[in-house]
Amino acid sequence: VGGSRGEVDGTLAEDAAAGLAAEVAVVGGAGAEAGEEATEEVVEDRTPAWVYSCRKCGTALFHDLNILPHFSEGKTKRSRHWLPAEAAEGEEASQTCTSVFVEPMKWMGETQDQVGKLACGNERCKQKLGGFSWHGLPCSCGQWQSPAFQIHCARL
């Protein structure tokens, strides 16, 4: 368990490697003629712009690429909408999401139950960050996310 601040027993690095690896498309897979091998082609190489950490201990939890978008009236809406200070009083302020929905990750621990709480992956911290439900949870903007691994922005 001895690691530096911002590291959770190497699991963030493993999750990042799995989640941030280049997307690969198989060309000539099952439909290829006999004798032809399937080739892999790199479609996109994404790099994270943000790393989200526990507010209490600073442990790195996930990247911006792990955040799942949700939809509002057919339009994609990010789980966290950053508004400038002057727009905070306007109409869009009521639509601002107060939490993010992320992909399930190893640091979350046992997620086989239907519903549960999410705590920081740092063994010494265990700060409550949010909750999960395989049936889904509502966002503060009114959209339903299913399955949901919800982390409150106030805890990041």
C-alpha atoms as a PDB file:
ATOM      1  CA  VAL A   1       0.000   0.000   0.000  1.00  0.00           C
ATOM      2  CA  GLY A   2       3.054   2.189   0.106  1.00  0.00           C
ATOM      3  CA  GLY A   3       2.714   4.440  -2.875  1.00  0.00           C
ATOM      4  CA  SER A   4       3.067   8.080  -3.527  1.00  0.00           C
ATOM      5  CA  ARG A   5       0.200  10.480  -3.245  1.00  0.00           C
ATOM      6  CA  GLY A   6      -2.026  10.210  -6.303  1.00  0.00           C
ATOM      7  CA  GLU A   7      -1.355   6.516  -6.822  1.00  0.00           C
ATOM      8  CA  VAL A   8      -3.645   3.646  -5.834  1.00  0.00           C
ATOM      9  CA  ASP A   9      -1.493   0.506  -5.876  1.00  0.00           C
ATOM     10  CA  GLY A  10      -0.880   0.991  -9.598  1.00  0.00           C
ATOM     11  CA  THR A  11      -4.552   0.433 -10.451  1.00  0.00           C
ATOM     12  CA  LEU A  12      -4.971   3.909 -11.941  1.00  0.00           C
ATOM     13  CA  ALA A  13      -2.093   3.202 -14.278  1.00  0.00           C
ATOM     14  CA  GLU A  14      -3.701  -0.123 -15.253  1.00  0.00           C
ATOM     15  CA  ASP A  15      -7.115   1.511 -15.733  1.00  0.00           C
ATOM     16  CA  ALA A  16      -5.535   4.330 -17.709  1.00  0.00           C
ATOM     17  CA  ALA A  17      -3.685   1.882 -19.927  1.00  0.00           C
ATOM     18  CA  ALA A  18      -6.915  -0.006 -20.575  1.00  0.00           C
ATOM     19  CA  GLY A  19      -9.078   3.085 -20.995  1.00  0.00           C
ATOM     20  CA  LEU A  20      -6.640   5.311 -22.860  1.00  0.00           C
ATOM     21  CA  ALA A  21      -5.160   2.800 -25.268  1.00  0.00           C
ATOM     22  CA  ALA A  22      -5.564   3.607 -28.909  1.00  0.00           C
ATOM     23  CA  GLU A  23      -8.842   2.423 -30.353  1.00  0.00           C
ATOM     24  CA  VAL A  24      -8.221  -0.373 -32.804  1.00  0.00           C
ATOM     25  CA  ALA A  25     -10.389  -1.435 -35.727  1.00  0.00           C
ATOM     26  CA  VAL A  26     -10.053  -4.926 -37.171  1.00  0.00           C
ATOM     27  CA  VAL A  27      -9.908  -4.819 -40.943  1.00  0.00           C
ATOM     28  CA  GLY A  28     -10.741  -8.008 -42.839  1.00  0.00           C
ATOM     29  CA  GLY A  29     -11.788  -9.934 -39.709  1.00  0.00           C
ATOM     30  CA  ALA A  30     -14.562 -12.537 -39.957  1.00  0.00           C
ATOM     31  CA  GLY A  31     -15.492 -11.448 -43.487  1.00  0.00           C
ATOM     32  CA  ALA A  32     -11.963 -11.897 -44.868  1.00  0.00           C
ATOM     33  CA  GLU A  33     -11.339 -14.544 -47.482  1.00  0.00           C
ATOM     34  CA  ALA A  34      -9.463 -17.732 -46.576  1.00  0.00           C
ATOM     35  CA  GLY A  35      -5.723 -17.210 -46.370  1.00  0.00           C
ATOM     36  CA  GLU A  36      -6.002 -13.497 -45.605  1.00  0.00           C
ATOM     37  CA  GLU A  37      -5.056 -12.360 -42.137  1.00  0.00           C
ATOM     38  CA  ALA A  38      -6.980  -9.753 -40.211  1.00  0.00           C
ATOM     39  CA  THR A  39      -4.984  -6.554 -39.820  1.00  0.00           C
ATOM     40  CA  GLU A  40      -5.329  -3.954 -37.124  1.00  0.00           C
ATOM     41  CA  GLU A  41      -5.522  -0.282 -37.931  1.00  0.00           C
ATOM     42  CA  VAL A  42      -5.168   2.469 -35.346  1.00  0.00           C
ATOM     43  CA  VAL A  43      -8.275   4.652 -35.496  1.00  0.00           C
ATOM     44  CA  GLU A  44      -7.585   7.270 -32.846  1.00  0.00           C
ATOM     45  CA  ASP A  45      -4.980   7.947 -30.174  1.00  0.00           C
ATOM     46  CA  ARG A  46      -6.555   9.830 -27.287  1.00  0.00           C
ATOM     47  CA  THR A  47      -4.681  11.478 -24.448  1.00  0.00           C
ATOM     48  CA  PRO A  48      -6.311  12.719 -21.250  1.00  0.00           C
ATOM     49  CA  ALA A  49      -6.588  16.441 -20.621  1.00  0.00           C
ATOM     50  CA  TRP A  50      -7.661  16.225 -16.959  1.00  0.00           C
ATOM     51  CA  VAL A  51      -6.997  13.906 -14.029  1.00  0.00           C
ATOM     52  CA  TYR A  52      -9.645  13.923 -11.305  1.00  0.00           C
ATOM     53  CA  SER A  53      -8.458  13.322  -7.737  1.00  0.00           C
ATOM     54  CA  CYS A  54      -9.997  12.776  -4.315  1.00  0.00           C
ATOM     55  CA  ARG A  55     -10.459  16.129  -2.585  1.00  0.00           C
ATOM     56  CA  LYS A  56      -9.491  14.710   0.814  1.00  0.00           C
ATOM     57  CA  CYS A  57      -6.244  12.844   0.028  1.00  0.00           C
ATOM     58  CA  GLY A  58      -5.361  13.823  -3.554  1.00  0.00           C
ATOM     59  CA  THR A  59      -5.383  10.262  -4.899  1.00  0.00           C
ATOM     60  CA  ALA A  60      -5.805  10.219  -8.687  1.00  0.00           C
ATOM     61  CA  LEU A  61      -9.084   8.464  -9.501  1.00  0.00           C
ATOM     62  CA  PHE A  62      -9.898   8.829 -13.200  1.00  0.00           C
ATOM     63  CA  HIS A  63      -9.258  10.845 -16.364  1.00  0.00           C
ATOM     64  CA  ASP A  64     -11.627  13.021 -18.359  1.00  0.00           C
ATOM     65  CA  LEU A  65     -11.800  10.245 -20.971  1.00  0.00           C
ATOM     66  CA  ASN A  66     -13.413   7.954 -18.370  1.00  0.00           C
ATOM     67  CA  ILE A  67     -16.383  10.323 -17.981  1.00  0.00           C
ATOM     68  CA  LEU A  68     -19.522   9.093 -19.730  1.00  0.00           C
ATOM     69  CA  PRO A  69     -21.696  11.599 -21.606  1.00  0.00           C
ATOM     70  CA  HIS A  70     -25.475  11.591 -21.306  1.00  0.00           C
ATOM     71  CA  PHE A  71     -28.164  12.972 -23.562  1.00  0.00           C
ATOM     72  CA  SER A  72     -30.581  15.890 -23.282  1.00  0.00           C
ATOM     73  CA  GLU A  73     -33.247  16.219 -25.969  1.00  0.00           C
ATOM     74  CA  GLY A  74     -31.202  14.111 -28.378  1.00  0.00           C
ATOM     75  CA  LYS A  75     -28.008  16.133 -27.853  1.00  0.00           C
ATOM     76  CA  THR A  76     -24.938  14.766 -26.126  1.00  0.00           C
ATOM     77  CA  LYS A  77     -24.348  16.452 -22.795  1.00  0.00           C
ATOM     78  CA  ARG A  78     -21.200  15.985 -20.742  1.00  0.00           C
ATOM     79  CA  SER A  79     -21.674  14.911 -17.164  1.00  0.00           C
ATOM     80  CA  ARG A  80     -19.968  18.084 -16.009  1.00  0.00           C
ATOM     81  CA  HIS A  81     -20.668  21.373 -17.767  1.00  0.00           C
ATOM     82  CA  TRP A  82     -18.193  24.127 -16.914  1.00  0.00           C
ATOM     83  CA  LEU A  83     -19.918  27.499 -16.834  1.00  0.00           C
ATOM     84  CA  PRO A  84     -18.237  30.892 -16.584  1.00  0.00           C
ATOM     85  CA  ALA A  85     -19.055  32.882 -13.438  1.00  0.00           C
ATOM     86  CA  GLU A  86     -21.350  35.299 -15.276  1.00  0.00           C
ATOM     87  CA  ALA A  87     -23.435  32.419 -16.692  1.00  0.00           C
ATOM     88  CA  ALA A  88     -23.917  30.838 -13.265  1.00  0.00           C
ATOM     89  CA  GLU A  89     -26.913  33.065 -12.565  1.00  0.00           C
ATOM     90  CA  GLY A  90     -28.542  32.406 -15.946  1.00  0.00           C
ATOM     91  CA  GLU A  91     -30.932  29.780 -17.209  1.00  0.00           C
ATOM     92  CA  GLU A  92     -28.223  27.164 -17.836  1.00  0.00           C
ATOM     93  CA  ALA A  93     -27.177  27.160 -14.178  1.00  0.00           C
ATOM     94  CA  SER A  94     -30.150  24.945 -13.294  1.00  0.00           C
ATOM     95  CA  GLN A  95     -28.990  22.461 -15.958  1.00  0.00           C
ATOM     96  CA  THR A  96     -25.451  22.159 -14.576  1.00  0.00           C
ATOM     97  CA  CYS A  97     -24.549  18.649 -13.504  1.00  0.00           C
ATOM     98  CA  THR A  98     -23.262  18.399  -9.929  1.00  0.00           C
ATOM     99  CA  SER A  99     -21.758  14.963 -10.469  1.00  0.00           C
ATOM    100  CA  VAL A 100     -19.986  12.937 -13.120  1.00  0.00           C
ATOM    101  CA  PHE A 101     -20.758   9.451 -14.370  1.00  0.00           C
ATOM    102  CA  VAL A 102     -17.717   7.304 -15.079  1.00  0.00           C
ATOM    103  CA  GLU A 103     -16.856   3.863 -16.371  1.00  0.00           C
ATOM    104  CA  PRO A 104     -16.493   1.133 -13.721  1.00  0.00           C
ATOM    105  CA  MET A 105     -12.856   0.903 -12.591  1.00  0.00           C
ATOM    106  CA  LYS A 106     -10.770  -1.430 -10.442  1.00  0.00           C
ATOM    107  CA  TRP A 107     -10.306   1.058  -7.572  1.00  0.00           C
ATOM    108  CA  MET A 108     -14.091   0.997  -7.005  1.00  0.00           C
ATOM    109  CA  GLY A 109     -13.775  -2.457  -5.467  1.00  0.00           C
ATOM    110  CA  GLU A 110     -16.707  -4.851  -5.393  1.00  0.00           C
ATOM    111  CA  THR A 111     -19.440  -3.650  -7.727  1.00  0.00           C
ATOM    112  CA  GLN A 112     -21.285  -6.963  -8.165  1.00  0.00           C
ATOM    113  CA  ASP A 113     -24.150  -5.775  -5.945  1.00  0.00           C
ATOM    114  CA  GLN A 114     -27.035  -3.986  -7.663  1.00  0.00           C
ATOM    115  CA  VAL A 115     -26.438  -0.746  -5.730  1.00  0.00           C
ATOM    116  CA  GLY A 116     -23.700   0.526  -3.442  1.00  0.00           C
ATOM    117  CA  LYS A 117     -21.435   3.368  -2.394  1.00  0.00           C
ATOM    118  CA  LEU A 118     -18.201   4.456  -4.026  1.00  0.00           C
ATOM    119  CA  ALA A 119     -15.281   5.323  -1.753  1.00  0.00           C
ATOM    120  CA  CYS A 120     -11.790   6.603  -2.504  1.00  0.00           C
ATOM    121  CA  GLY A 121      -9.437   3.806  -3.549  1.00  0.00           C
ATOM    122  CA  ASN A 122      -6.783   4.941  -1.047  1.00  0.00           C
ATOM    123  CA  GLU A 123      -6.888   2.494   1.884  1.00  0.00           C
ATOM    124  CA  ARG A 124      -6.035   5.272   4.366  1.00  0.00           C
ATOM    125  CA  CYS A 125      -8.694   7.682   3.061  1.00  0.00           C
ATOM    126  CA  LYS A 126     -11.885   5.810   2.061  1.00  0.00           C
ATOM    127  CA  GLN A 127     -13.735   9.138   1.574  1.00  0.00           C
ATOM    128  CA  LYS A 128     -17.272   8.595   0.245  1.00  0.00           C
ATOM    129  CA  LEU A 129     -17.294   9.867  -3.346  1.00  0.00           C
ATOM    130  CA  GLY A 130     -20.710   8.810  -4.618  1.00  0.00           C
ATOM    131  CA  GLY A 131     -22.636   5.696  -5.456  1.00  0.00           C
ATOM    132  CA  PHE A 132     -23.393   3.162  -8.143  1.00  0.00           C
ATOM    133  CA  SER A 133     -26.445   1.354  -9.431  1.00  0.00           C
ATOM    134  CA  TRP A 134     -26.617  -1.134 -12.253  1.00  0.00           C
ATOM    135  CA  HIS A 135     -30.265  -0.082 -12.723  1.00  0.00           C
ATOM    136  CA  GLY A 136     -29.322   3.581 -13.097  1.00  0.00           C
ATOM    137  CA  LEU A 137     -29.380   6.884 -11.224  1.00  0.00           C
ATOM    138  CA  PRO A 138     -30.699  10.354 -12.085  1.00  0.00           C
ATOM    139  CA  CYS A 139     -28.337  13.241 -12.739  1.00  0.00           C
ATOM    140  CA  SER A 140     -28.976  16.671 -11.221  1.00  0.00           C
ATOM    141  CA  CYS A 141     -29.793  17.905 -14.750  1.00  0.00           C
ATOM    142  CA  GLY A 142     -32.712  15.476 -14.898  1.00  0.00           C
ATOM    143  CA  GLN A 143     -31.182  12.876 -17.219  1.00  0.00           C
ATOM    144  CA  TRP A 144     -31.151   9.184 -16.307  1.00  0.00           C
ATOM    145  CA  GLN A 145     -27.840   7.309 -16.566  1.00  0.00           C
ATOM    146  CA  SER A 146     -27.909   3.517 -16.621  1.00  0.00           C
ATOM    147  CA  PRO A 147     -25.803   1.775 -15.411  1.00  0.00           C
ATOM    148  CA  ALA A 148     -24.531   4.548 -13.187  1.00  0.00           C
ATOM    149  CA  PHE A 149     -21.223   5.040 -11.399  1.00  0.00           C
ATOM    150  CA  GLN A 150     -21.861   8.531 -10.036  1.00  0.00           C
ATOM    151  CA  ILE A 151     -19.181  10.650  -8.367  1.00  0.00           C
ATOM    152  CA  HIS A 152     -20.119  13.982  -6.808  1.00  0.00           C
ATOM    153  CA  CYS A 153     -18.015  16.920  -8.022  1.00  0.00           C
ATOM    154  CA  ALA A 154     -17.832  18.338  -4.489  1.00  0.00           C
ATOM    155  CA  ARG A 155     -15.733  15.279  -3.542  1.00  0.00           C
ATOM    156  CA  LEU A 156     -13.193  15.783  -6.333  1.00  0.00           C
END
